[in-house]
Each structure stands twice: as C-alpha cells, then as structure tokens.
C-alpha cells in the first residue's frame, strides 16, 4: 500500500515538473495606433512553455527558453514564427511590421512565464478598418484563444480569435 502511495505522489510530482500544462491556452496582443506618430505599436504576449512546446512539436527542436538559456538562434526563430502567424491589414492594405524586441517576464511558476514581443508599423496616419490574422499556437493547442485589443481613433475594440476563426475585422467609421 505504501509503495503505491509513494509511486502516485512521485508520478504527480514528475508530471507537474515535466508536463507543464495550464487550464487554458491564450495569447494577448495589443495594438495601439498613434495619430501623432502615425504608427502602430504592437505587443504580443505568449506563454513561454506553449511556444516552446509548439517548436518541439512542429519544428522538432527546442528554443531553450524554459531553461533561461535560449539557443543562439531563438530570437530569429521566434521572429520568423510571429511573422508567419500574424498579419495586419489597415484600410485594405497589408502593412509591414518591424520586430523591435523580445523579452521574458518570469514568474515563480514556469508555466506562467511569458515571452513578450514588441513590433511596430509606420506610416499609418488613419485607421478606417483593420483586419487581423492571428494563428499563434493554434497548430499545437485546439483550445488556443488569441485575444487582440485594438486602440484606435479614441476607441478600444476586441477580437477573440481561435483555430476555427483566425481572422477578424473591425471598422472604425
């Protein structure tokens, strides 16, 4: 009886350390338009362990971001991933974005660590409509939700995108 209890306790401990999971799969993207600067500031927040798992599942290699020692090409891999899964069309024209930086927000629990990517798009004086495609992590997690907050023309709008509906459009007229 005691060996069974010990085995169960050790198994649950092992799974918690190595099978890091959470109850929900979500990313948050905020897009802020500045009429003065005529640009978009874009901030993408992803759970680091979900991004790591996606690279292992889809690309067959680890970024090393959970060990706090990313591999030497991690930034380039993440940047390429972001641009392959995310696009913005403003006033019927696809915009070019620049990758500004990526940083990590560490917490006490590894499954809550975030990777934050900052992007920017220039030469956008006015927004009448904005169309977003966001497919972050949907290839690995069927229940992934990608929340997009858009602040433009003094209004705040929200899109909830997922695997089935990965694109949404908002009009500011």
Protein backbone atom coordinates (compact mmCIF):
# COMPACT_ATOMS: atom_id res chain seq x y z
CA UNK A 1 0.00 0.00 0.00
CA UNK A 2 2.72 2.48 0.95
CA UNK A 3 4.74 1.86 -2.25
CA UNK A 4 1.61 2.61 -4.31
CA UNK A 5 1.08 5.91 -2.49
CA UNK A 6 4.71 6.87 -2.95
CA UNK A 7 4.53 5.93 -6.64
CA UNK A 8 1.41 8.06 -7.15
CA UNK A 9 2.96 11.04 -5.34
CA UNK A 10 6.20 10.77 -7.27
CA UNK A 11 4.32 10.41 -10.55
CA UNK A 12 2.24 13.52 -9.92
CA UNK A 13 5.37 15.44 -8.89
CA UNK A 14 7.22 14.28 -12.01
CA UNK A 15 4.30 15.21 -14.27
CA UNK A 16 3.99 18.66 -12.72
CA UNK A 17 7.64 19.39 -13.38
CA UNK A 18 7.98 17.90 -16.84
CA UNK A 19 4.45 18.01 -18.23
CA UNK A 20 3.88 21.70 -17.65
CA UNK A 21 0.31 22.49 -18.61
CA UNK A 22 -2.28 25.03 -17.68
CA UNK A 23 -6.04 25.10 -17.77
CA UNK A 24 -6.29 27.47 -20.70
CA UNK A 25 -4.27 28.41 -23.75
CA UNK A 26 -4.31 32.11 -24.54
CA UNK A 27 -2.23 34.84 -26.10
CA UNK A 28 -2.86 38.55 -25.75
CA UNK A 29 -1.97 41.03 -28.47
CA UNK A 30 -2.45 44.74 -28.03
CA UNK A 31 -2.34 47.13 -30.97
CA UNK A 32 -2.22 50.85 -30.30
CA UNK A 33 -2.48 53.46 -33.06
CA UNK A 34 -0.79 56.83 -32.57
CA UNK A 35 -2.08 59.60 -34.82
CA UNK A 36 0.82 61.85 -33.79
CA UNK A 37 3.50 59.30 -34.66
CA UNK A 38 1.37 57.74 -37.42
CA UNK A 39 2.30 54.26 -36.30
CA UNK A 40 1.06 51.09 -34.68
CA UNK A 41 2.70 49.75 -31.53
CA UNK A 42 2.08 46.03 -31.24
CA UNK A 43 2.74 43.90 -28.16
CA UNK A 44 2.33 40.11 -28.25
CA UNK A 45 2.28 38.08 -25.04
CA UNK A 46 2.59 34.29 -25.20
CA UNK A 47 3.13 31.64 -22.55
CA UNK A 48 6.77 30.62 -22.97
CA UNK A 49 6.10 26.92 -22.32
CA UNK A 50 3.39 26.85 -25.00
CA UNK A 51 5.70 28.46 -27.54
CA UNK A 52 8.46 26.01 -26.59
CA UNK A 53 6.07 23.07 -26.97
CA UNK A 54 4.94 24.31 -30.38
CA UNK A 55 8.53 24.46 -31.61
CA UNK A 56 9.21 20.96 -30.31
CA UNK A 57 6.00 19.59 -31.88
CA UNK A 58 6.10 21.44 -35.20
CA UNK A 59 9.77 22.15 -35.87
CA UNK A 60 11.40 19.28 -33.99
CA UNK A 61 13.71 21.39 -31.83
CA UNK A 62 13.70 23.32 -28.58
CA UNK A 63 14.25 27.07 -28.28
CA UNK A 64 15.71 26.59 -24.79
CA UNK A 65 13.59 29.41 -23.37
CA UNK A 66 12.29 27.41 -20.42
CA UNK A 67 15.82 26.77 -19.21
CA UNK A 68 16.54 30.51 -19.27
CA UNK A 69 19.33 29.79 -21.75
CA UNK A 70 17.82 30.23 -25.21
CA UNK A 71 19.69 28.72 -28.11
CA UNK A 72 21.68 31.17 -30.20
CA UNK A 73 19.02 31.45 -32.91
CA UNK A 74 15.96 31.59 -30.62
CA UNK A 75 15.23 35.25 -31.35
CA UNK A 76 15.33 34.69 -35.12
CA UNK A 77 13.11 31.59 -34.82
CA UNK A 78 10.57 33.45 -32.69
CA UNK A 79 10.57 36.47 -35.01
CA UNK A 80 10.01 34.24 -38.04
CA UNK A 81 7.21 32.41 -36.21
CA UNK A 82 5.47 35.67 -35.22
CA UNK A 83 5.51 36.96 -38.80
CA UNK A 84 4.26 33.63 -40.19
CA UNK A 85 1.25 33.54 -37.85
CA UNK A 86 0.27 37.21 -37.58
CA UNK A 87 -0.67 39.88 -40.11
CA UNK A 88 -2.47 43.21 -40.16
CA UNK A 89 -4.35 44.88 -42.99
CA UNK A 90 -5.21 48.55 -42.47
CA UNK A 91 -7.64 50.27 -44.82
CA UNK A 92 -7.44 47.33 -47.26
CA UNK A 93 -3.60 47.40 -47.41
CA UNK A 94 -1.31 44.85 -45.76
CA UNK A 95 1.19 46.60 -43.55
CA UNK A 96 4.84 45.83 -42.96
CA UNK A 97 5.89 45.38 -39.36
CA UNK A 98 9.30 45.65 -37.76
CA UNK A 99 10.33 43.37 -34.92
CA UNK A 100 11.58 45.70 -32.17
CA UNK A 101 12.43 43.38 -29.28
CA UNK A 102 11.56 40.31 -27.31
CA UNK A 103 11.81 39.92 -23.58
CA UNK A 104 10.85 37.45 -20.92
CA UNK A 105 8.62 38.07 -17.94
CA UNK A 106 9.47 35.44 -15.37
CA UNK A 107 7.21 34.35 -12.56
CA UNK A 108 7.62 31.93 -9.70
CA UNK A 109 5.84 29.24 -11.73
CA UNK A 110 7.46 28.27 -15.04
CA UNK A 111 4.09 27.60 -16.67
CA UNK A 112 3.24 31.28 -16.18
CA UNK A 113 6.44 32.70 -17.72
CA UNK A 114 5.68 34.99 -20.65
CA UNK A 115 7.52 35.94 -23.75
CA UNK A 116 6.70 39.46 -24.89
CA UNK A 117 7.39 40.58 -28.44
CA UNK A 118 7.26 44.23 -29.44
CA UNK A 119 6.55 45.15 -33.07
CA UNK A 120 5.91 48.39 -34.88
CA UNK A 121 4.37 49.54 -38.16
CA UNK A 122 4.98 53.02 -39.58
CA UNK A 123 3.25 55.41 -41.98
CA UNK A 124 -0.30 54.78 -40.80
CA UNK A 125 -1.94 58.20 -40.46
CA UNK A 126 -5.54 56.98 -40.10
CA UNK A 127 -7.43 53.77 -39.48
CA UNK A 128 -10.87 53.28 -41.03
CA UNK A 129 -10.72 49.49 -40.85
CA UNK A 130 -8.29 46.93 -39.53
CA UNK A 131 -8.18 43.22 -40.30
CA UNK A 132 -6.12 40.91 -38.10
CA UNK A 133 -4.96 37.36 -38.73
CA UNK A 134 -3.69 35.70 -35.57
CA UNK A 135 -2.86 31.98 -35.58
CA UNK A 136 -0.46 31.87 -32.63
CA UNK A 137 -0.11 28.36 -31.18
CA UNK A 138 -3.28 27.03 -32.83
CA UNK A 139 -1.27 24.31 -34.55
CA UNK A 140 -0.46 22.79 -31.14
CA UNK A 141 -3.46 23.61 -28.97
CA UNK A 142 -7.02 23.16 -30.25
CA UNK A 143 -8.43 25.33 -27.46
CA UNK A 144 -5.98 28.20 -28.04
CA UNK A 145 -7.63 31.63 -27.87
CA UNK A 146 -5.86 34.70 -29.24
CA UNK A 147 -7.28 37.89 -27.79
CA UNK A 148 -6.50 41.08 -29.72
CA UNK A 149 -7.10 44.53 -28.23
CA UNK A 150 -7.08 47.40 -30.70
CA UNK A 151 -6.98 51.02 -29.62
CA UNK A 152 -7.52 53.48 -32.46
CA UNK A 153 -9.45 56.70 -33.07
CA UNK A 154 -10.14 57.01 -29.34
CA UNK A 155 -11.93 53.63 -29.26
CA UNK A 156 -10.99 50.26 -27.82
CA UNK A 157 -12.17 47.17 -29.68
CA UNK A 158 -11.53 43.48 -29.07
CA UNK A 159 -11.26 40.39 -31.26
CA UNK A 160 -11.34 36.84 -29.89
CA UNK A 161 -9.68 34.59 -32.44
CA UNK A 162 -9.04 30.85 -32.33
CA UNK A 163 -8.26 27.85 -34.51
CA UNK A 164 -11.62 27.96 -36.32
CA UNK A 165 -11.83 31.76 -36.65
CA UNK A 166 -8.29 33.10 -37.05
CA UNK A 167 -9.18 36.38 -38.74
CA UNK A 168 -11.36 39.30 -37.74
CA UNK A 169 -12.07 42.79 -39.00
CA UNK A 170 -13.11 45.96 -37.21
CA UNK A 171 -14.42 49.15 -38.76
CA UNK A 172 -13.77 52.49 -37.10
CA UNK A 173 -16.18 54.55 -39.26
